[in-house]
Amino acid sequence: MSRQFKEFKASELHCPKCGTSQPVGERASAVPGSQTIELLCFRCATVVGHRTVIDHSLGGKLAKLVGKLLK
């Protein structure tokens, strides 16, 4: 089975504070070096989800391997 999507982004998610589905914006996580993106309600800025960024390039794979070896 082939992959249909390389990257999937949500355009709307349910916001528990607003009580309805709202458009979302993205913000890099406050943790330095983190590969997590926070998804924010466009209306009230509540965090409604997270997205992990995976670097599939050769440089990204090598950096991840070196990081594991140095731990």
PDB file of N, CA and C in Angstrom:
ATOM      1  N   MET A   1       0.851  -1.185   0.000  1.00  0.00           N
ATOM      2  CA  MET A   1       0.000   0.000   0.000  1.00  0.00           C
ATOM      3  C   MET A   1       0.892   1.242   0.000  1.00  0.00           C
ATOM      4  N   SER A   2       0.651   2.149  -0.914  1.00  0.00           N
ATOM      5  CA  SER A   2       1.452   3.368  -0.992  1.00  0.00           C
ATOM      6  C   SER A   2       0.918   4.428  -0.033  1.00  0.00           C
ATOM      7  N   ARG A   3       1.796   5.351   0.322  1.00  0.00           N
ATOM      8  CA  ARG A   3       1.400   6.458   1.196  1.00  0.00           C
ATOM      9  C   ARG A   3       0.643   7.489   0.378  1.00  0.00           C
ATOM     10  N   GLN A   4      -0.453   7.965   0.925  1.00  0.00           N
ATOM     11  CA  GLN A   4      -1.247   8.959   0.218  1.00  0.00           C
ATOM     12  C   GLN A   4      -0.798  10.376   0.541  1.00  0.00           C
ATOM     13  N   PHE A   5      -0.306  10.585   1.757  1.00  0.00           N
ATOM     14  CA  PHE A   5       0.066  11.925   2.190  1.00  0.00           C
ATOM     15  C   PHE A   5       1.490  11.921   2.713  1.00  0.00           C
ATOM     16  N   LYS A   6       2.274  12.929   2.329  1.00  0.00           N
ATOM     17  CA  LYS A   6       3.573  13.121   2.958  1.00  0.00           C
ATOM     18  C   LYS A   6       3.380  13.913   4.246  1.00  0.00           C
ATOM     19  N   GLU A   7       2.475  14.867   4.192  1.00  0.00           N
ATOM     20  CA  GLU A   7       2.212  15.733   5.336  1.00  0.00           C
ATOM     21  C   GLU A   7       0.723  16.023   5.383  1.00  0.00           C
ATOM     22  N   PHE A   8       0.150  15.946   6.556  1.00  0.00           N
ATOM     23  CA  PHE A   8      -1.278  16.176   6.719  1.00  0.00           C
ATOM     24  C   PHE A   8      -1.466  17.291   7.735  1.00  0.00           C
ATOM     25  N   LYS A   9      -2.180  18.344   7.356  1.00  0.00           N
ATOM     26  CA  LYS A   9      -2.422  19.474   8.255  1.00  0.00           C
ATOM     27  C   LYS A   9      -3.915  19.669   8.438  1.00  0.00           C
ATOM     28  N   ALA A  10      -4.319  19.904   9.676  1.00  0.00           N
ATOM     29  CA  ALA A  10      -5.726  20.162   9.979  1.00  0.00           C
ATOM     30  C   ALA A  10      -6.045  21.623   9.679  1.00  0.00           C
ATOM     31  N   SER A  11      -7.202  21.870   9.070  1.00  0.00           N
ATOM     32  CA  SER A  11      -7.609  23.252   8.832  1.00  0.00           C
ATOM     33  C   SER A  11      -8.563  23.731   9.920  1.00  0.00           C
ATOM     34  N   GLU A  12      -9.337  22.795  10.495  1.00  0.00           N
ATOM     35  CA  GLU A  12     -10.245  23.108  11.601  1.00  0.00           C
ATOM     36  C   GLU A  12     -10.221  21.964  12.611  1.00  0.00           C
ATOM     37  N   LEU A  13     -10.331  22.328  13.892  1.00  0.00           N
ATOM     38  CA  LEU A  13     -10.446  21.348  14.969  1.00  0.00           C
ATOM     39  C   LEU A  13     -11.476  21.844  15.982  1.00  0.00           C
ATOM     40  N   HIS A  14     -12.009  20.918  16.766  1.00  0.00           N
ATOM     41  CA  HIS A  14     -12.983  21.291  17.791  1.00  0.00           C
ATOM     42  C   HIS A  14     -12.261  21.989  18.938  1.00  0.00           C
ATOM     43  N   CYS A  15     -12.746  23.156  19.336  1.00  0.00           N
ATOM     44  CA  CYS A  15     -12.190  23.890  20.471  1.00  0.00           C
ATOM     45  C   CYS A  15     -13.111  23.684  21.668  1.00  0.00           C
ATOM     46  N   PRO A  16     -12.587  23.122  22.756  1.00  0.00           N
ATOM     47  CA  PRO A  16     -13.436  22.897  23.931  1.00  0.00           C
ATOM     48  C   PRO A  16     -13.905  24.196  24.593  1.00  0.00           C
ATOM     49  N   LYS A  17     -13.118  25.260  24.475  1.00  0.00           N
ATOM     50  CA  LYS A  17     -13.486  26.545  25.086  1.00  0.00           C
ATOM     51  C   LYS A  17     -14.603  27.228  24.289  1.00  0.00           C
ATOM     52  N   CYS A  18     -14.483  27.238  22.958  1.00  0.00           N
ATOM     53  CA  CYS A  18     -15.502  27.862  22.102  1.00  0.00           C
ATOM     54  C   CYS A  18     -16.712  26.951  21.912  1.00  0.00           C
ATOM     55  N   GLY A  19     -16.503  25.638  22.027  1.00  0.00           N
ATOM     56  CA  GLY A  19     -17.597  24.685  21.887  1.00  0.00           C
ATOM     57  C   GLY A  19     -17.964  24.347  20.455  1.00  0.00           C
ATOM     58  N   THR A  20     -17.173  24.808  19.495  1.00  0.00           N
ATOM     59  CA  THR A  20     -17.444  24.532  18.079  1.00  0.00           C
ATOM     60  C   THR A  20     -16.137  24.268  17.344  1.00  0.00           C
ATOM     61  N   SER A  21     -16.267  23.829  16.113  1.00  0.00           N
ATOM     62  CA  SER A  21     -15.101  23.647  15.262  1.00  0.00           C
ATOM     63  C   SER A  21     -14.616  25.015  14.810  1.00  0.00           C
ATOM     64  N   GLN A  22     -13.318  25.253  14.957  1.00  0.00           N
ATOM     65  CA  GLN A  22     -12.738  26.554  14.626  1.00  0.00           C
ATOM     66  C   GLN A  22     -11.503  26.363  13.742  1.00  0.00           C
ATOM     67  N   PRO A  23     -11.172  27.344  12.908  1.00  0.00           N
ATOM     68  CA  PRO A  23      -9.910  27.283  12.166  1.00  0.00           C
ATOM     69  C   PRO A  23      -8.742  27.270  13.147  1.00  0.00           C
ATOM     70  N   VAL A  24      -7.643  26.654  12.752  1.00  0.00           N
ATOM     71  CA  VAL A  24      -6.482  26.576  13.633  1.00  0.00           C
ATOM     72  C   VAL A  24      -5.285  27.284  13.030  1.00  0.00           C
ATOM     73  N   GLY A  25      -4.446  27.794  13.892  1.00  0.00           N
ATOM     74  CA  GLY A  25      -3.168  28.373  13.514  1.00  0.00           C
ATOM     75  C   GLY A  25      -2.067  27.524  14.131  1.00  0.00           C
ATOM     76  N   GLU A  26      -0.839  27.735  13.707  1.00  0.00           N
ATOM     77  CA  GLU A  26       0.279  26.945  14.211  1.00  0.00           C
ATOM     78  C   GLU A  26       1.277  27.825  14.934  1.00  0.00           C
ATOM     79  N   ARG A  27       1.911  27.239  15.977  1.00  0.00           N
ATOM     80  CA  ARG A  27       2.966  27.927  16.724  1.00  0.00           C
ATOM     81  C   ARG A  27       4.000  26.876  17.105  1.00  0.00           C
ATOM     82  N   ALA A  28       5.273  27.190  16.905  1.00  0.00           N
ATOM     83  CA  ALA A  28       6.334  26.271  17.305  1.00  0.00           C
ATOM     84  C   ALA A  28       6.294  26.105  18.815  1.00  0.00           C
ATOM     85  N   SER A  29       6.582  24.918  19.270  1.00  0.00           N
ATOM     86  CA  SER A  29       6.575  24.631  20.698  1.00  0.00           C
ATOM     87  C   SER A  29       7.597  25.501  21.416  1.00  0.00           C
ATOM     88  N   ALA A  30       7.327  25.838  22.671  1.00  0.00           N
ATOM     89  CA  ALA A  30       8.211  26.700  23.453  1.00  0.00           C
ATOM     90  C   ALA A  30       9.478  25.972  23.891  1.00  0.00           C
ATOM     91  N   VAL A  31       9.528  24.655  23.727  1.00  0.00           N
ATOM     92  CA  VAL A  31      10.690  23.875  24.131  1.00  0.00           C
ATOM     93  C   VAL A  31      11.738  23.934  23.021  1.00  0.00           C
ATOM     94  N   PRO A  32      12.924  24.479  23.296  1.00  0.00           N
ATOM     95  CA  PRO A  32      13.964  24.568  22.260  1.00  0.00           C
ATOM     96  C   PRO A  32      14.367  23.176  21.757  1.00  0.00           C
ATOM     97  N   GLY A  33      14.533  23.033  20.447  1.00  0.00           N
ATOM     98  CA  GLY A  33      14.921  21.763  19.859  1.00  0.00           C
ATOM     99  C   GLY A  33      13.777  20.796  19.666  1.00  0.00           C
ATOM    100  N   SER A  34      12.593  21.173  20.083  1.00  0.00           N
ATOM    101  CA  SER A  34      11.435  20.305  19.937  1.00  0.00           C
ATOM    102  C   SER A  34      10.952  20.324  18.494  1.00  0.00           C
ATOM    103  N   GLN A  35      10.413  19.210  18.051  1.00  0.00           N
ATOM    104  CA  GLN A  35       9.878  19.119  16.704  1.00  0.00           C
ATOM    105  C   GLN A  35       8.352  19.119  16.741  1.00  0.00           C
ATOM    106  N   THR A  36       7.789  19.681  17.788  1.00  0.00           N
ATOM    107  CA  THR A  36       6.345  19.702  17.952  1.00  0.00           C
ATOM    108  C   THR A  36       5.781  21.085  17.631  1.00  0.00           C
ATOM    109  N   ILE A  37       4.690  21.100  16.876  1.00  0.00           N
ATOM    110  CA  ILE A  37       3.974  22.329  16.533  1.00  0.00           C
ATOM    111  C   ILE A  37       2.645  22.309  17.292  1.00  0.00           C
ATOM    112  N   GLU A  38       2.333  23.386  17.990  1.00  0.00           N
ATOM    113  CA  GLU A  38       1.050  23.484  18.690  1.00  0.00           C
ATOM    114  C   GLU A  38       0.000  24.032  17.729  1.00  0.00           C
ATOM    115  N   LEU A  39      -1.186  23.453  17.762  1.00  0.00           N
ATOM    116  CA  LEU A  39      -2.310  23.923  16.953  1.00  0.00           C
ATOM    117  C   LEU A  39      -3.216  24.742  17.856  1.00  0.00           C
ATOM    118  N   LEU A  40      -3.451  25.998  17.485  1.00  0.00           N
ATOM    119  CA  LEU A  40      -4.205  26.937  18.318  1.00  0.00           C
ATOM    120  C   LEU A  40      -5.528  27.304  17.677  1.00  0.00           C
ATOM    121  N   CYS A  41      -6.570  27.430  18.506  1.00  0.00           N
ATOM    122  CA  CYS A  41      -7.851  27.931  18.036  1.00  0.00           C
ATOM    123  C   CYS A  41      -7.646  29.364  17.551  1.00  0.00           C
ATOM    124  N   PHE A  42      -8.090  29.655  16.336  1.00  0.00           N
ATOM    125  CA  PHE A  42      -7.902  30.978  15.750  1.00  0.00           C
ATOM    126  C   PHE A  42      -8.683  32.049  16.512  1.00  0.00           C
ATOM    127  N   ARG A  43      -9.774  31.651  17.147  1.00  0.00           N
ATOM    128  CA  ARG A  43     -10.659  32.606  17.828  1.00  0.00           C
ATOM    129  C   ARG A  43     -10.173  32.965  19.234  1.00  0.00           C
ATOM    130  N   CYS A  44      -9.781  31.936  20.039  1.00  0.00           N
ATOM    131  CA  CYS A  44      -9.446  32.208  21.439  1.00  0.00           C
ATOM    132  C   CYS A  44      -8.015  31.824  21.818  1.00  0.00           C
ATOM    133  N   ALA A  45      -7.242  31.269  20.897  1.00  0.00           N
ATOM    134  CA  ALA A  45      -5.832  30.889  21.087  1.00  0.00           C
ATOM    135  C   ALA A  45      -5.621  29.746  22.080  1.00  0.00           C
ATOM    136  N   THR A  46      -6.650  28.930  22.321  1.00  0.00           N
ATOM    137  CA  THR A  46      -6.508  27.741  23.148  1.00  0.00           C
ATOM    138  C   THR A  46      -5.778  26.667  22.341  1.00  0.00           C
ATOM    139  N   VAL A  47      -4.844  25.946  22.979  1.00  0.00           N
ATOM    140  CA  VAL A  47      -4.156  24.848  22.302  1.00  0.00           C
ATOM    141  C   VAL A  47      -5.162  23.708  22.138  1.00  0.00           C
ATOM    142  N   VAL A  48      -5.427  23.331  20.879  1.00  0.00           N
ATOM    143  CA  VAL A  48      -6.413  22.285  20.594  1.00  0.00           C
ATOM    144  C   VAL A  48      -5.773  21.021  20.027  1.00  0.00           C
ATOM    145  N   GLY A  49      -4.460  21.031  19.845  1.00  0.00           N
ATOM    146  CA  GLY A  49      -3.779  19.844  19.338  1.00  0.00           C
ATOM    147  C   GLY A  49      -2.304  20.099  19.116  1.00  0.00           C
ATOM    148  N   HIS A  50      -1.599  19.049  18.715  1.00  0.00           N
ATOM    149  CA  HIS A  50      -0.171  19.120  18.426  1.00  0.00           C
ATOM    150  C   HIS A  50       0.121  18.366  17.143  1.00  0.00           C
ATOM    151  N   ARG A  51       1.182  18.762  16.479  1.00  0.00           N
ATOM    152  CA  ARG A  51       1.633  18.091  15.263  1.00  0.00           C
ATOM    153  C   ARG A  51       3.136  17.917  15.378  1.00  0.00           C
ATOM    154  N   THR A  52       3.634  16.720  15.061  1.00  0.00           N
ATOM    155  CA  THR A  52       5.063  16.441  15.119  1.00  0.00           C
ATOM    156  C   THR A  52       5.655  16.551  13.718  1.00  0.00           C
ATOM    157  N   VAL A  53       6.735  17.296  13.599  1.00  0.00           N
ATOM    158  CA  VAL A  53       7.421  17.474  12.332  1.00  0.00           C
ATOM    159  C   VAL A  53       8.524  16.425  12.240  1.00  0.00           C
ATOM    160  N   ILE A  54       8.521  15.649  11.159  1.00  0.00           N
ATOM    161  CA  ILE A  54       9.532  14.620  10.961  1.00  0.00           C
ATOM    162  C   ILE A  54      10.353  15.002   9.736  1.00  0.00           C
ATOM    163  N   ASP A  55      11.661  15.091   9.919  1.00  0.00           N
ATOM    164  CA  ASP A  55      12.569  15.444   8.834  1.00  0.00           C
ATOM    165  C   ASP A  55      13.009  14.152   8.144  1.00  0.00           C
ATOM    166  N   HIS A  56      12.547  13.942   6.901  1.00  0.00           N
ATOM    167  CA  HIS A  56      12.866  12.727   6.159  1.00  0.00           C
ATOM    168  C   HIS A  56      14.113  12.877   5.289  1.00  0.00           C
ATOM    169  N   SER A  57      14.767  14.028   5.325  1.00  0.00           N
ATOM    170  CA  SER A  57      15.955  14.227   4.502  1.00  0.00           C
ATOM    171  C   SER A  57      17.130  13.441   5.080  1.00  0.00           C
ATOM    172  N   LEU A  58      18.135  13.207   4.279  1.00  0.00           N
ATOM    173  CA  LEU A  58      19.310  12.474   4.735  1.00  0.00           C
ATOM    174  C   LEU A  58      19.999  13.216   5.876  1.00  0.00           C
ATOM    175  N   GLY A  59      20.094  14.536   5.776  1.00  0.00           N
ATOM    176  CA  GLY A  59      20.709  15.324   6.844  1.00  0.00           C
ATOM    177  C   GLY A  59      19.949  15.196   8.150  1.00  0.00           C
ATOM    178  N   GLY A  60      18.614  15.188   8.071  1.00  0.00           N
ATOM    179  CA  GLY A  60      17.796  15.032   9.268  1.00  0.00           C
ATOM    180  C   GLY A  60      17.968  13.668   9.903  1.00  0.00           C
ATOM    181  N   LYS A  61      18.071  12.625   9.063  1.00  0.00           N
ATOM    182  CA  LYS A  61      18.269  11.269   9.582  1.00  0.00           C
ATOM    183  C   LYS A  61      19.639  11.125  10.242  1.00  0.00           C
ATOM    184  N   LEU A  62      20.660  11.720   9.616  1.00  0.00           N
ATOM    185  CA  LEU A  62      22.003  11.655  10.200  1.00  0.00           C
ATOM    186  C   LEU A  62      22.078  12.416  11.521  1.00  0.00           C
ATOM    187  N   ALA A  63      21.442  13.580  11.593  1.00  0.00           N
ATOM    188  CA  ALA A  63      21.438  14.362  12.825  1.00  0.00           C
ATOM    189  C   ALA A  63      20.751  13.597  13.948  1.00  0.00           C
ATOM    190  N   LYS A  64      19.670  12.912  13.623  1.00  0.00           N
ATOM    191  CA  LYS A  64      18.953  12.122  14.631  1.00  0.00           C
ATOM    192  C   LYS A  64      19.826  10.962  15.117  1.00  0.00           C
ATOM    193  N   LEU A  65      20.532  10.302  14.198  1.00  0.00           N
ATOM    194  CA  LEU A  65      21.401   9.187  14.557  1.00  0.00           C
ATOM    195  C   LEU A  65      22.552   9.659  15.426  1.00  0.00           C
ATOM    196  N   VAL A  66      23.185  10.778  15.071  1.00  0.00           N
ATOM    197  CA  VAL A  66      24.291  11.321  15.867  1.00  0.00           C
ATOM    198  C   VAL A  66      23.785  11.705  17.255  1.00  0.00           C
ATOM    199  N   GLY A  67      22.595  12.285  17.336  1.00  0.00           N
ATOM    200  CA  GLY A  67      22.021  12.644  18.634  1.00  0.00           C
ATOM    201  C   GLY A  67      21.832  11.430  19.523  1.00  0.00           C
ATOM    202  N   LYS A  68      21.401  10.318  18.936  1.00  0.00           N
ATOM    203  CA  LYS A  68      21.216   9.077  19.712  1.00  0.00           C
ATOM    204  C   LYS A  68      22.560   8.528  20.180  1.00  0.00           C
ATOM    205  N   LEU A  69      23.572   8.606  19.325  1.00  0.00           N
ATOM    206  CA  LEU A  69      24.892   8.081  19.679  1.00  0.00           C
ATOM    207  C   LEU A  69      25.555   8.887  20.792  1.00  0.00           C
ATOM    208  N   LEU A  70      25.297  10.164  20.836  1.00  0.00           N
ATOM    209  CA  LEU A  70      25.924  11.030  21.843  1.00  0.00           C
ATOM    210  C   LEU A  70      25.256  10.964  23.209  1.00  0.00           C
ATOM    211  N   LYS A  71      24.099  10.353  23.289  1.00  0.00           N
ATOM    212  CA  LYS A  71      23.384  10.284  24.579  1.00  0.00           C
ATOM    213  C   LYS A  71      23.984   9.252  25.480  1.00  0.00           C
TER     214      LYS A  71
END
